[in-house]
Amino acid sequence: MSSDKIDTVRSSSSGTLGRAVSHTRGQRLILDSSTHPRPDALTNSEAFLAGVGSCGVTLIELYAQDKGVPLKRTNVTIEGVRTAAEPNRFASVHMRFELVGVTQAQAEDLVQTYRNR
């Protein structure tokens, strides 16, 4: 038996143009197109960035706990820039990590662990 982890999400039309509904493990997430003129739900791009940012938070917190590092709180702000010329791709992505309860050296080690993965 394989030990591979498989994540499955099913996305479907919602009946509203530019909006999809995604389901996984009994959870439901509504996403609007990133090009929607007035999105009501999270956009696809925001959801993608949220996934990357929340991965940073959880990976760092779990690693710190495993290594006995006294991390109290983690905040990650992620900003994706898309140009008008190429709105379908990120021209740049910037992440800012704020780690509370650790030294600068510990913070740098924790962020490097995230970068390495």
N, C-alpha and C. Protein backbone atom coordinates (compact mmCIF):
# COMPACT_ATOMS: atom_id res chain seq x y z
N MET A 1 0.84 -1.18 0.00
CA MET A 1 0.00 0.00 0.00
C MET A 1 0.88 1.25 0.00
N SER A 2 0.55 2.19 -0.80
CA SER A 2 1.33 3.42 -0.94
C SER A 2 1.10 4.34 0.25
N SER A 3 2.14 5.07 0.63
CA SER A 3 2.02 6.06 1.70
C SER A 3 1.85 7.47 1.13
N ASP A 4 1.60 7.56 -0.17
CA ASP A 4 1.38 8.86 -0.80
C ASP A 4 0.16 9.53 -0.22
N LYS A 5 0.22 10.84 -0.03
CA LYS A 5 -0.93 11.61 0.42
C LYS A 5 -1.61 12.20 -0.81
N ILE A 6 -2.87 11.94 -0.94
CA ILE A 6 -3.63 12.44 -2.08
C ILE A 6 -4.72 13.37 -1.57
N ASP A 7 -4.72 14.61 -2.02
CA ASP A 7 -5.77 15.58 -1.70
C ASP A 7 -6.66 15.72 -2.92
N THR A 8 -7.96 15.65 -2.71
CA THR A 8 -8.90 15.75 -3.82
C THR A 8 -9.91 16.85 -3.53
N VAL A 9 -10.07 17.76 -4.48
CA VAL A 9 -11.07 18.82 -4.41
C VAL A 9 -11.89 18.75 -5.69
N ARG A 10 -13.20 18.84 -5.55
CA ARG A 10 -14.07 18.85 -6.73
C ARG A 10 -14.68 20.25 -6.85
N SER A 11 -14.48 20.89 -7.98
CA SER A 11 -15.04 22.21 -8.24
C SER A 11 -16.08 22.11 -9.34
N SER A 12 -17.17 22.85 -9.17
CA SER A 12 -18.28 22.79 -10.11
C SER A 12 -18.83 24.18 -10.38
N SER A 13 -19.55 24.29 -11.50
CA SER A 13 -20.26 25.53 -11.81
C SER A 13 -21.26 25.80 -10.69
N SER A 14 -21.43 27.06 -10.38
CA SER A 14 -22.35 27.43 -9.30
C SER A 14 -23.71 27.88 -9.81
N GLY A 15 -23.80 28.14 -11.10
CA GLY A 15 -25.01 28.73 -11.66
C GLY A 15 -24.88 30.24 -11.82
N THR A 16 -23.80 30.81 -11.27
CA THR A 16 -23.50 32.22 -11.43
C THR A 16 -22.22 32.33 -12.24
N LEU A 17 -22.26 33.03 -13.35
CA LEU A 17 -21.10 33.16 -14.22
C LEU A 17 -19.93 33.76 -13.44
N GLY A 18 -18.77 33.12 -13.52
CA GLY A 18 -17.58 33.62 -12.84
C GLY A 18 -17.44 33.14 -11.41
N ARG A 19 -18.30 32.20 -10.99
CA ARG A 19 -18.24 31.68 -9.62
C ARG A 19 -18.27 30.16 -9.66
N ALA A 20 -17.43 29.53 -8.83
CA ALA A 20 -17.39 28.07 -8.71
C ALA A 20 -17.55 27.68 -7.25
N VAL A 21 -18.01 26.46 -7.07
CA VAL A 21 -18.14 25.90 -5.73
C VAL A 21 -17.21 24.69 -5.65
N SER A 22 -16.37 24.67 -4.63
CA SER A 22 -15.43 23.57 -4.45
C SER A 22 -15.80 22.82 -3.17
N HIS A 23 -15.60 21.49 -3.22
CA HIS A 23 -15.91 20.62 -2.08
C HIS A 23 -14.73 19.70 -1.81
N THR A 24 -14.43 19.54 -0.53
CA THR A 24 -13.44 18.56 -0.10
C THR A 24 -13.73 18.17 1.34
N ARG A 25 -13.72 16.90 1.64
CA ARG A 25 -13.92 16.37 2.98
C ARG A 25 -15.12 16.99 3.68
N GLY A 26 -16.21 17.21 2.97
CA GLY A 26 -17.40 17.78 3.56
C GLY A 26 -17.38 19.30 3.72
N GLN A 27 -16.30 19.92 3.30
CA GLN A 27 -16.18 21.38 3.38
C GLN A 27 -16.57 21.97 2.03
N ARG A 28 -17.12 23.17 2.08
CA ARG A 28 -17.57 23.86 0.86
C ARG A 28 -16.90 25.22 0.80
N LEU A 29 -16.38 25.56 -0.37
CA LEU A 29 -15.70 26.84 -0.57
C LEU A 29 -16.20 27.44 -1.87
N ILE A 30 -16.66 28.67 -1.80
CA ILE A 30 -17.12 29.40 -2.98
C ILE A 30 -16.00 30.33 -3.41
N LEU A 31 -15.66 30.28 -4.70
CA LEU A 31 -14.59 31.13 -5.24
C LEU A 31 -15.08 31.86 -6.48
N ASP A 32 -14.73 33.13 -6.55
CA ASP A 32 -15.03 33.93 -7.73
C ASP A 32 -13.80 34.01 -8.62
N SER A 33 -14.03 34.23 -9.89
CA SER A 33 -12.94 34.43 -10.83
C SER A 33 -12.13 35.64 -10.40
N SER A 34 -10.82 35.55 -10.58
CA SER A 34 -9.95 36.69 -10.24
C SER A 34 -10.18 37.88 -11.15
N THR A 35 -10.84 37.64 -12.29
CA THR A 35 -11.12 38.73 -13.21
C THR A 35 -12.55 39.26 -13.06
N HIS A 36 -13.29 38.73 -12.10
CA HIS A 36 -14.66 39.19 -11.85
C HIS A 36 -14.62 40.67 -11.47
N PRO A 37 -15.47 41.51 -12.08
CA PRO A 37 -15.40 42.95 -11.79
C PRO A 37 -15.76 43.30 -10.35
N ARG A 38 -16.65 42.55 -9.72
CA ARG A 38 -17.04 42.82 -8.33
C ARG A 38 -17.19 41.50 -7.57
N PRO A 39 -16.08 40.88 -7.20
CA PRO A 39 -16.18 39.58 -6.54
C PRO A 39 -16.82 39.71 -5.15
N ASP A 40 -17.70 38.77 -4.83
CA ASP A 40 -18.30 38.71 -3.50
C ASP A 40 -17.57 37.71 -2.62
N ALA A 41 -17.06 36.66 -3.23
CA ALA A 41 -16.35 35.61 -2.50
C ALA A 41 -14.85 35.82 -2.67
N LEU A 42 -14.07 35.00 -1.98
CA LEU A 42 -12.63 35.00 -2.24
C LEU A 42 -12.41 34.75 -3.71
N THR A 43 -11.41 35.39 -4.28
CA THR A 43 -11.09 35.11 -5.67
C THR A 43 -10.14 33.92 -5.74
N ASN A 44 -10.02 33.35 -6.91
CA ASN A 44 -9.09 32.23 -7.10
C ASN A 44 -7.67 32.62 -6.68
N SER A 45 -7.25 33.82 -7.06
CA SER A 45 -5.90 34.28 -6.71
C SER A 45 -5.75 34.45 -5.21
N GLU A 46 -6.75 35.01 -4.56
CA GLU A 46 -6.69 35.18 -3.11
C GLU A 46 -6.64 33.83 -2.40
N ALA A 47 -7.42 32.87 -2.89
CA ALA A 47 -7.40 31.54 -2.30
C ALA A 47 -6.04 30.87 -2.48
N PHE A 48 -5.44 31.04 -3.65
CA PHE A 48 -4.11 30.49 -3.91
C PHE A 48 -3.10 31.10 -2.94
N LEU A 49 -3.11 32.43 -2.82
CA LEU A 49 -2.18 33.11 -1.92
C LEU A 49 -2.45 32.72 -0.47
N ALA A 50 -3.72 32.57 -0.09
CA ALA A 50 -4.06 32.14 1.27
C ALA A 50 -3.49 30.76 1.56
N GLY A 51 -3.56 29.86 0.58
CA GLY A 51 -3.00 28.52 0.75
C GLY A 51 -1.50 28.56 0.98
N VAL A 52 -0.80 29.38 0.21
CA VAL A 52 0.65 29.50 0.37
C VAL A 52 0.98 30.14 1.71
N GLY A 53 0.28 31.21 2.07
CA GLY A 53 0.53 31.89 3.33
C GLY A 53 0.21 31.03 4.54
N SER A 54 -0.93 30.33 4.50
CA SER A 54 -1.29 29.49 5.64
C SER A 54 -0.35 28.30 5.76
N CYS A 55 0.19 27.83 4.66
CA CYS A 55 1.21 26.78 4.69
C CYS A 55 2.43 27.29 5.46
N GLY A 56 2.81 28.53 5.23
CA GLY A 56 3.93 29.12 5.97
C GLY A 56 3.67 29.16 7.46
N VAL A 57 2.47 29.58 7.85
CA VAL A 57 2.12 29.66 9.27
C VAL A 57 2.16 28.28 9.91
N THR A 58 1.46 27.33 9.32
CA THR A 58 1.34 26.02 9.96
C THR A 58 2.65 25.25 9.95
N LEU A 59 3.41 25.32 8.86
CA LEU A 59 4.68 24.61 8.79
C LEU A 59 5.65 25.15 9.84
N ILE A 60 5.73 26.47 9.96
CA ILE A 60 6.65 27.08 10.93
C ILE A 60 6.21 26.76 12.36
N GLU A 61 4.91 26.86 12.65
CA GLU A 61 4.45 26.57 14.01
C GLU A 61 4.72 25.12 14.40
N LEU A 62 4.43 24.19 13.50
CA LEU A 62 4.64 22.77 13.81
C LEU A 62 6.13 22.44 13.95
N TYR A 63 6.95 23.03 13.09
CA TYR A 63 8.40 22.81 13.17
C TYR A 63 8.94 23.37 14.48
N ALA A 64 8.49 24.58 14.85
CA ALA A 64 8.95 25.20 16.10
C ALA A 64 8.56 24.32 17.30
N GLN A 65 7.35 23.81 17.30
CA GLN A 65 6.91 22.95 18.39
C GLN A 65 7.77 21.69 18.46
N ASP A 66 8.02 21.10 17.30
CA ASP A 66 8.81 19.87 17.23
C ASP A 66 10.23 20.09 17.74
N LYS A 67 10.80 21.27 17.49
CA LYS A 67 12.19 21.57 17.87
C LYS A 67 12.29 22.27 19.23
N GLY A 68 11.16 22.52 19.90
CA GLY A 68 11.19 23.16 21.20
C GLY A 68 11.50 24.66 21.14
N VAL A 69 11.22 25.29 20.01
CA VAL A 69 11.45 26.73 19.85
C VAL A 69 10.23 27.46 20.42
N PRO A 70 10.42 28.47 21.30
CA PRO A 70 9.30 29.10 22.01
C PRO A 70 8.48 30.10 21.18
N LEU A 71 8.07 29.71 20.01
CA LEU A 71 7.28 30.57 19.13
C LEU A 71 5.89 30.76 19.73
N LYS A 72 5.45 32.01 19.86
CA LYS A 72 4.14 32.31 20.43
C LYS A 72 3.08 32.57 19.37
N ARG A 73 3.49 33.20 18.28
CA ARG A 73 2.51 33.55 17.23
C ARG A 73 3.25 33.76 15.92
N THR A 74 2.57 33.43 14.84
CA THR A 74 3.11 33.62 13.49
C THR A 74 2.09 34.37 12.65
N ASN A 75 2.54 35.40 11.95
CA ASN A 75 1.73 36.11 10.98
C ASN A 75 2.48 36.11 9.65
N VAL A 76 1.76 35.80 8.59
CA VAL A 76 2.35 35.88 7.26
C VAL A 76 1.45 36.75 6.39
N THR A 77 2.04 37.75 5.79
CA THR A 77 1.33 38.58 4.82
C THR A 77 1.94 38.26 3.46
N ILE A 78 1.07 37.91 2.52
CA ILE A 78 1.54 37.56 1.18
C ILE A 78 0.83 38.46 0.17
N GLU A 79 1.61 38.99 -0.76
CA GLU A 79 1.07 39.89 -1.77
C GLU A 79 1.53 39.41 -3.14
N GLY A 80 0.56 39.17 -4.01
CA GLY A 80 0.86 38.78 -5.38
C GLY A 80 0.56 39.94 -6.31
N VAL A 81 1.51 40.25 -7.17
CA VAL A 81 1.36 41.35 -8.12
C VAL A 81 1.17 40.77 -9.52
N ARG A 82 0.10 41.19 -10.18
CA ARG A 82 -0.15 40.80 -11.57
C ARG A 82 -0.25 42.07 -12.39
N THR A 83 0.46 42.11 -13.48
CA THR A 83 0.46 43.30 -14.32
C THR A 83 -0.77 43.31 -15.23
N ALA A 84 -1.14 44.49 -15.68
CA ALA A 84 -2.26 44.61 -16.62
C ALA A 84 -1.95 43.90 -17.93
N ALA A 85 -0.66 43.87 -18.30
CA ALA A 85 -0.26 43.21 -19.55
C ALA A 85 -0.40 41.69 -19.47
N GLU A 86 -0.19 41.12 -18.27
CA GLU A 86 -0.31 39.67 -18.08
C GLU A 86 -1.09 39.36 -16.81
N PRO A 87 -2.40 39.60 -16.84
CA PRO A 87 -3.20 39.40 -15.63
C PRO A 87 -3.38 37.94 -15.23
N ASN A 88 -2.97 37.03 -16.10
CA ASN A 88 -3.14 35.61 -15.84
C ASN A 88 -1.97 34.98 -15.08
N ARG A 89 -0.96 35.77 -14.71
CA ARG A 89 0.18 35.23 -13.97
C ARG A 89 0.71 36.27 -13.00
N PHE A 90 1.33 35.78 -11.96
CA PHE A 90 1.93 36.69 -10.98
C PHE A 90 3.29 37.15 -11.49
N ALA A 91 3.48 38.46 -11.52
CA ALA A 91 4.78 39.01 -11.89
C ALA A 91 5.74 38.88 -10.70
N SER A 92 5.19 38.97 -9.50
CA SER A 92 5.99 38.79 -8.29
C SER A 92 5.08 38.42 -7.13
N VAL A 93 5.67 37.74 -6.16
CA VAL A 93 4.98 37.39 -4.93
C VAL A 93 5.93 37.72 -3.79
N HIS A 94 5.42 38.46 -2.81
CA HIS A 94 6.23 38.85 -1.65
C HIS A 94 5.57 38.32 -0.39
N MET A 95 6.38 37.74 0.48
CA MET A 95 5.88 37.24 1.76
C MET A 95 6.63 37.94 2.89
N ARG A 96 5.86 38.33 3.90
CA ARG A 96 6.46 38.93 5.10
C ARG A 96 6.07 38.06 6.29
N PHE A 97 7.07 37.60 7.02
CA PHE A 97 6.86 36.76 8.19
C PHE A 97 7.07 37.59 9.46
N GLU A 98 6.14 37.50 10.38
CA GLU A 98 6.28 38.13 11.70
C GLU A 98 6.17 37.00 12.72
N LEU A 99 7.28 36.76 13.43
CA LEU A 99 7.33 35.67 14.40
C LEU A 99 7.52 36.27 15.79
N VAL A 100 6.63 35.93 16.70
CA VAL A 100 6.64 36.49 18.05
C VAL A 100 7.12 35.44 19.04
N GLY A 101 8.01 35.86 19.94
CA GLY A 101 8.48 34.99 21.01
C GLY A 101 9.80 34.32 20.74
N VAL A 102 10.44 34.65 19.61
CA VAL A 102 11.72 34.03 19.26
C VAL A 102 12.76 35.10 18.98
N THR A 103 14.02 34.70 19.00
CA THR A 103 15.10 35.62 18.65
C THR A 103 15.15 35.80 17.14
N GLN A 104 15.90 36.78 16.69
CA GLN A 104 16.07 36.99 15.26
C GLN A 104 16.67 35.76 14.59
N ALA A 105 17.66 35.17 15.23
CA ALA A 105 18.31 33.97 14.66
C ALA A 105 17.32 32.81 14.57
N GLN A 106 16.50 32.62 15.60
CA GLN A 106 15.50 31.56 15.56
C GLN A 106 14.47 31.83 14.46
N ALA A 107 14.06 33.10 14.34
CA ALA A 107 13.09 33.46 13.30
C ALA A 107 13.66 33.16 11.92
N GLU A 108 14.91 33.53 11.69
CA GLU A 108 15.54 33.28 10.40
C GLU A 108 15.63 31.79 10.11
N ASP A 109 15.93 30.99 11.13
CA ASP A 109 16.00 29.53 10.97
C ASP A 109 14.62 28.96 10.63
N LEU A 110 13.59 29.44 11.30
CA LEU A 110 12.24 28.96 11.04
C LEU A 110 11.78 29.31 9.62
N VAL A 111 12.04 30.54 9.20
CA VAL A 111 11.65 30.95 7.84
C VAL A 111 12.46 30.17 6.81
N GLN A 112 13.73 29.93 7.08
CA GLN A 112 14.55 29.15 6.14
C GLN A 112 14.02 27.72 6.01
N THR A 113 13.52 27.17 7.10
CA THR A 113 12.90 25.84 7.04
C THR A 113 11.73 25.85 6.07
N TYR A 114 10.90 26.89 6.15
CA TYR A 114 9.78 27.03 5.21
C TYR A 114 10.29 27.13 3.77
N ARG A 115 11.28 27.97 3.55
CA ARG A 115 11.82 28.15 2.19
C ARG A 115 12.37 26.85 1.63
N ASN A 116 13.02 26.06 2.48
CA ASN A 116 13.61 24.80 2.04
C ASN A 116 12.57 23.78 1.64
N ARG A 117 11.37 23.90 2.17
CA ARG A 117 10.34 22.92 1.84
C ARG A 117 9.49 23.40 0.71
